[in-house]
N, C-alpha and C. Protein backbone atom coordinates (compact mmCIF):
# COMPACT_ATOMS: atom_id res chain seq x y z
N MET A 1 38.61 1.38 14.00
CA MET A 1 37.23 0.90 13.23
C MET A 1 36.53 2.27 13.43
N ALA A 2 36.35 2.85 12.10
CA ALA A 2 35.88 4.30 11.89
C ALA A 2 34.13 4.35 12.10
N THR A 3 33.57 3.47 11.74
CA THR A 3 32.08 3.28 11.77
C THR A 3 31.63 2.17 12.85
N THR A 4 30.33 2.51 13.11
CA THR A 4 29.66 1.64 14.03
C THR A 4 29.15 0.38 13.45
N PRO A 5 29.17 -0.71 14.29
CA PRO A 5 29.13 -2.08 13.52
C PRO A 5 27.43 -2.23 13.22
N HIS A 6 26.55 -1.16 13.65
CA HIS A 6 25.19 -1.20 13.15
C HIS A 6 24.79 -0.37 11.94
N ALA A 7 25.97 0.61 11.62
CA ALA A 7 25.59 1.30 10.50
C ALA A 7 25.03 0.84 9.00
N GLY A 8 25.99 -0.41 9.06
CA GLY A 8 25.44 -0.85 7.28
C GLY A 8 24.11 -1.76 7.54
N PRO A 9 23.90 -2.40 8.68
CA PRO A 9 22.70 -3.19 8.34
C PRO A 9 21.30 -2.22 8.80
N SER A 10 21.33 -1.37 9.53
CA SER A 10 20.53 -0.41 9.80
C SER A 10 20.19 0.32 8.43
N THR A 11 20.97 1.01 7.81
CA THR A 11 20.90 1.50 6.43
C THR A 11 20.47 0.50 5.54
N ASN A 12 20.72 -0.54 5.42
CA ASN A 12 20.15 -1.36 4.59
C ASN A 12 18.61 -1.76 4.69
N ILE A 13 18.35 -1.90 6.05
CA ILE A 13 16.81 -2.04 6.54
C ILE A 13 15.96 -0.95 6.14
N CYS A 14 16.57 0.33 6.26
CA CYS A 14 15.84 1.28 5.95
C CYS A 14 15.69 1.63 4.60
N ALA A 15 16.71 1.24 3.57
CA ALA A 15 16.50 1.14 2.19
C ALA A 15 15.44 0.18 1.86
N GLN A 16 15.39 -0.91 2.42
CA GLN A 16 14.40 -2.02 2.19
C GLN A 16 13.21 -1.57 2.43
N MET A 17 12.74 -0.90 3.56
CA MET A 17 11.82 -0.13 4.06
C MET A 17 10.95 0.67 3.04
N ARG A 18 12.08 1.62 2.53
CA ARG A 18 11.59 2.81 1.68
C ARG A 18 10.94 2.17 0.48
N ARG A 19 11.84 1.11 0.01
CA ARG A 19 11.53 0.35 -1.36
C ARG A 19 10.22 -0.28 -1.14
N GLN A 20 9.85 -1.00 -0.10
CA GLN A 20 8.53 -1.78 0.16
C GLN A 20 7.48 -0.54 0.16
N ALA A 21 7.94 0.77 0.61
CA ALA A 21 6.99 2.03 0.67
C ALA A 21 6.46 2.15 -0.70
N GLU A 22 7.59 2.36 -1.44
CA GLU A 22 7.33 2.55 -2.98
C GLU A 22 6.45 1.59 -3.67
N LEU A 23 6.61 0.45 -3.47
CA LEU A 23 5.98 -0.87 -3.96
C LEU A 23 4.39 -0.60 -3.53
N SER A 24 4.27 -0.45 -2.11
CA SER A 24 2.89 -0.12 -1.96
C SER A 24 2.16 1.09 -2.34
N LYS A 25 2.96 2.17 -2.66
CA LYS A 25 2.21 3.13 -3.10
C LYS A 25 1.64 2.87 -4.68
N LYS A 26 2.77 2.31 -5.34
CA LYS A 26 2.29 1.97 -6.74
C LYS A 26 1.08 1.11 -6.78
N GLU A 27 1.08 0.02 -5.85
CA GLU A 27 -0.11 -1.02 -5.71
C GLU A 27 -1.36 -0.29 -5.30
N LEU A 28 -1.20 0.36 -4.33
CA LEU A 28 -2.51 1.34 -3.94
C LEU A 28 -3.18 2.14 -5.30
N ARG A 29 -2.06 2.87 -6.01
CA ARG A 29 -2.46 3.43 -7.25
C ARG A 29 -3.21 2.61 -8.14
N ASN A 30 -2.79 1.36 -8.44
CA ASN A 30 -3.44 0.52 -9.32
C ASN A 30 -4.76 -0.09 -8.66
N GLU A 31 -4.89 -0.18 -7.47
CA GLU A 31 -6.07 -0.55 -6.87
C GLU A 31 -7.10 0.46 -6.95
N ARG A 32 -6.70 1.70 -6.66
CA ARG A 32 -7.76 2.83 -6.88
C ARG A 32 -8.24 2.89 -8.23
N ARG A 33 -7.21 2.83 -9.19
CA ARG A 33 -7.59 2.95 -10.65
C ARG A 33 -8.65 1.68 -10.94
N GLU A 34 -8.48 0.61 -10.41
CA GLU A 34 -9.30 -0.43 -10.66
C GLU A 34 -10.73 -0.24 -10.00
N LEU A 35 -10.68 0.24 -8.76
CA LEU A 35 -11.92 0.67 -8.20
C LEU A 35 -12.73 1.66 -8.93
N SER A 36 -11.92 2.70 -9.38
CA SER A 36 -12.59 3.80 -10.24
C SER A 36 -13.25 3.24 -11.46
N GLY A 37 -12.66 2.25 -12.03
CA GLY A 37 -13.31 1.51 -13.38
C GLY A 37 -14.56 0.74 -12.85
N LEU A 38 -14.33 0.18 -11.68
CA LEU A 38 -15.60 -0.92 -11.36
C LEU A 38 -16.77 0.21 -11.07
N MET A 39 -16.60 1.44 -10.39
CA MET A 39 -17.38 1.98 -9.97
C MET A 39 -18.16 2.83 -11.19
N HIS A 40 -17.67 2.81 -12.03
CA HIS A 40 -18.10 3.41 -13.45
C HIS A 40 -18.85 2.49 -14.35
N LYS A 41 -18.85 1.15 -13.78
CA LYS A 41 -19.46 0.22 -14.61
C LYS A 41 -21.03 0.23 -14.12
N HIS A 42 -22.11 -0.13 -15.17
CA HIS A 42 -23.36 -0.34 -14.80
C HIS A 42 -23.70 -1.54 -15.35
N GLU A 43 -24.55 -2.69 -14.24
CA GLU A 43 -25.03 -3.64 -14.64
C GLU A 43 -26.80 -3.56 -14.45
N THR A 44 -27.27 -4.11 -15.50
CA THR A 44 -28.74 -4.26 -15.34
C THR A 44 -29.13 -5.70 -14.75
N ASP A 45 -28.24 -6.67 -15.07
CA ASP A 45 -28.57 -7.88 -14.39
C ASP A 45 -28.59 -7.88 -12.88
N PRO A 46 -29.47 -8.24 -12.16
CA PRO A 46 -29.56 -7.94 -10.74
C PRO A 46 -28.22 -8.86 -10.06
N ILE A 47 -28.04 -10.11 -10.62
CA ILE A 47 -26.91 -11.03 -10.16
C ILE A 47 -25.47 -10.39 -10.28
N LYS A 48 -25.54 -9.93 -11.72
CA LYS A 48 -23.94 -9.14 -11.83
C LYS A 48 -24.04 -7.93 -11.12
N ALA A 49 -24.95 -7.18 -10.94
CA ALA A 49 -25.08 -6.10 -10.25
C ALA A 49 -24.46 -6.50 -8.71
N GLN A 50 -24.86 -7.43 -8.30
CA GLN A 50 -24.67 -7.70 -6.74
C GLN A 50 -23.33 -8.05 -6.67
N GLN A 51 -22.66 -8.91 -7.74
CA GLN A 51 -21.42 -9.40 -7.75
C GLN A 51 -20.47 -8.17 -8.01
N LEU A 52 -20.71 -7.12 -8.83
CA LEU A 52 -20.10 -5.93 -8.82
C LEU A 52 -19.89 -5.14 -7.69
N ARG A 53 -21.01 -4.88 -6.98
CA ARG A 53 -21.11 -4.12 -5.66
C ARG A 53 -20.27 -4.97 -4.50
N ASP A 54 -20.31 -6.29 -4.61
CA ASP A 54 -19.35 -7.24 -3.83
C ASP A 54 -17.91 -6.87 -4.13
N LYS A 55 -17.73 -7.10 -5.29
CA LYS A 55 -16.32 -6.71 -5.74
C LYS A 55 -15.88 -5.20 -5.61
N ILE A 56 -16.73 -4.29 -5.57
CA ILE A 56 -16.28 -2.98 -5.16
C ILE A 56 -16.08 -3.04 -3.65
N GLU A 57 -16.94 -3.51 -2.91
CA GLU A 57 -16.83 -3.43 -1.29
C GLU A 57 -15.39 -4.19 -0.92
N GLU A 58 -15.25 -5.21 -1.51
CA GLU A 58 -13.90 -6.15 -1.42
C GLU A 58 -12.61 -5.21 -1.68
N LEU A 59 -12.75 -4.42 -2.76
CA LEU A 59 -11.50 -3.63 -3.15
C LEU A 59 -11.47 -2.29 -2.31
N GLU A 60 -12.63 -1.88 -1.86
CA GLU A 60 -12.41 -0.81 -0.76
C GLU A 60 -11.97 -1.27 0.43
N ASN A 61 -12.33 -2.29 0.97
CA ASN A 61 -11.71 -2.83 2.34
C ASN A 61 -10.46 -3.18 2.05
N LYS A 62 -9.81 -3.61 0.99
CA LYS A 62 -8.37 -3.85 0.54
C LYS A 62 -7.61 -2.60 0.78
N ILE A 63 -8.20 -1.49 0.02
CA ILE A 63 -7.48 -0.33 -0.15
C ILE A 63 -7.50 0.27 1.22
N GLU A 64 -8.37 0.21 2.19
CA GLU A 64 -8.34 0.88 3.36
C GLU A 64 -7.12 0.13 4.18
N ASN A 65 -7.17 -1.29 3.90
CA ASN A 65 -6.20 -2.08 4.95
C ASN A 65 -4.71 -1.43 4.19
N ASP A 66 -4.73 -1.67 3.14
CA ASP A 66 -3.20 -1.28 2.55
C ASP A 66 -2.85 0.03 2.93
N GLU A 67 -3.87 1.10 2.91
CA GLU A 67 -3.36 2.23 3.35
C GLU A 67 -2.87 2.32 4.82
N ALA A 68 -3.50 1.59 5.80
CA ALA A 68 -3.37 1.60 7.05
C ALA A 68 -1.76 0.90 7.14
N GLN A 69 -1.69 -0.24 6.42
CA GLN A 69 -0.18 -0.81 6.54
C GLN A 69 0.79 0.18 5.76
N LEU A 70 0.64 0.93 4.99
CA LEU A 70 1.45 2.00 4.33
C LEU A 70 1.70 3.01 5.27
N ASP A 71 0.72 3.60 6.00
CA ASP A 71 1.05 4.53 6.94
C ASP A 71 1.68 4.14 8.11
N ALA A 72 1.47 2.92 8.45
CA ALA A 72 2.38 2.35 9.62
C ALA A 72 3.71 2.26 9.21
N LEU A 73 4.26 2.03 7.87
CA LEU A 73 5.38 1.70 7.41
C LEU A 73 5.98 3.11 7.48
N LEU A 74 5.36 3.79 6.73
CA LEU A 74 5.82 5.42 6.63
C LEU A 74 6.23 5.73 8.19
N GLY A 75 5.42 5.51 9.17
CA GLY A 75 5.68 6.10 10.47
C GLY A 75 7.03 5.38 10.95
N GLU A 76 7.14 3.99 10.68
CA GLU A 76 8.37 3.16 11.04
C GLU A 76 9.61 3.88 10.42
N ILE A 77 9.43 4.33 9.31
CA ILE A 77 10.73 4.92 8.48
C ILE A 77 11.07 6.28 9.05
N ALA A 78 9.88 7.09 9.27
CA ALA A 78 10.11 8.26 9.80
C ALA A 78 10.66 8.52 11.22
N ALA A 79 10.47 7.37 11.86
CA ALA A 79 10.99 7.11 13.28
C ALA A 79 12.18 6.53 13.43
N ASP A 80 12.44 5.62 12.57
CA ASP A 80 13.84 4.69 12.68
C ASP A 80 14.90 5.03 11.89
N CYS A 81 14.21 6.00 10.75
CA CYS A 81 15.34 6.09 9.37
C CYS A 81 15.61 7.44 9.34
N SER A 82 15.49 8.36 10.00
CA SER A 82 15.43 9.87 9.89
C SER A 82 17.09 10.16 9.52
N GLY A 83 17.76 9.48 10.02
CA GLY A 83 19.18 9.74 9.72
C GLY A 83 20.06 9.01 8.70
N HIS A 84 19.21 8.06 7.93
CA HIS A 84 19.95 7.10 6.95
C HIS A 84 19.48 7.72 5.62
């Protein structure tokens, strides 16, 4: 047998992780674009203004969380898939 039994599945897992990272990057770009649009909105109605602030804060938190998850995934890829 010329190859190790773990070469195929390991390579497949690395490819899946890389695909997930690319999808996560695209999602983050879209979230940042949405956040930018929300930050440029101006509401005069106090209730709508508060709803807008809440939505902005929620999206900022989601982006921060998604960035942390992406960083962790990229770290895993760097550590586990450097030869694949």
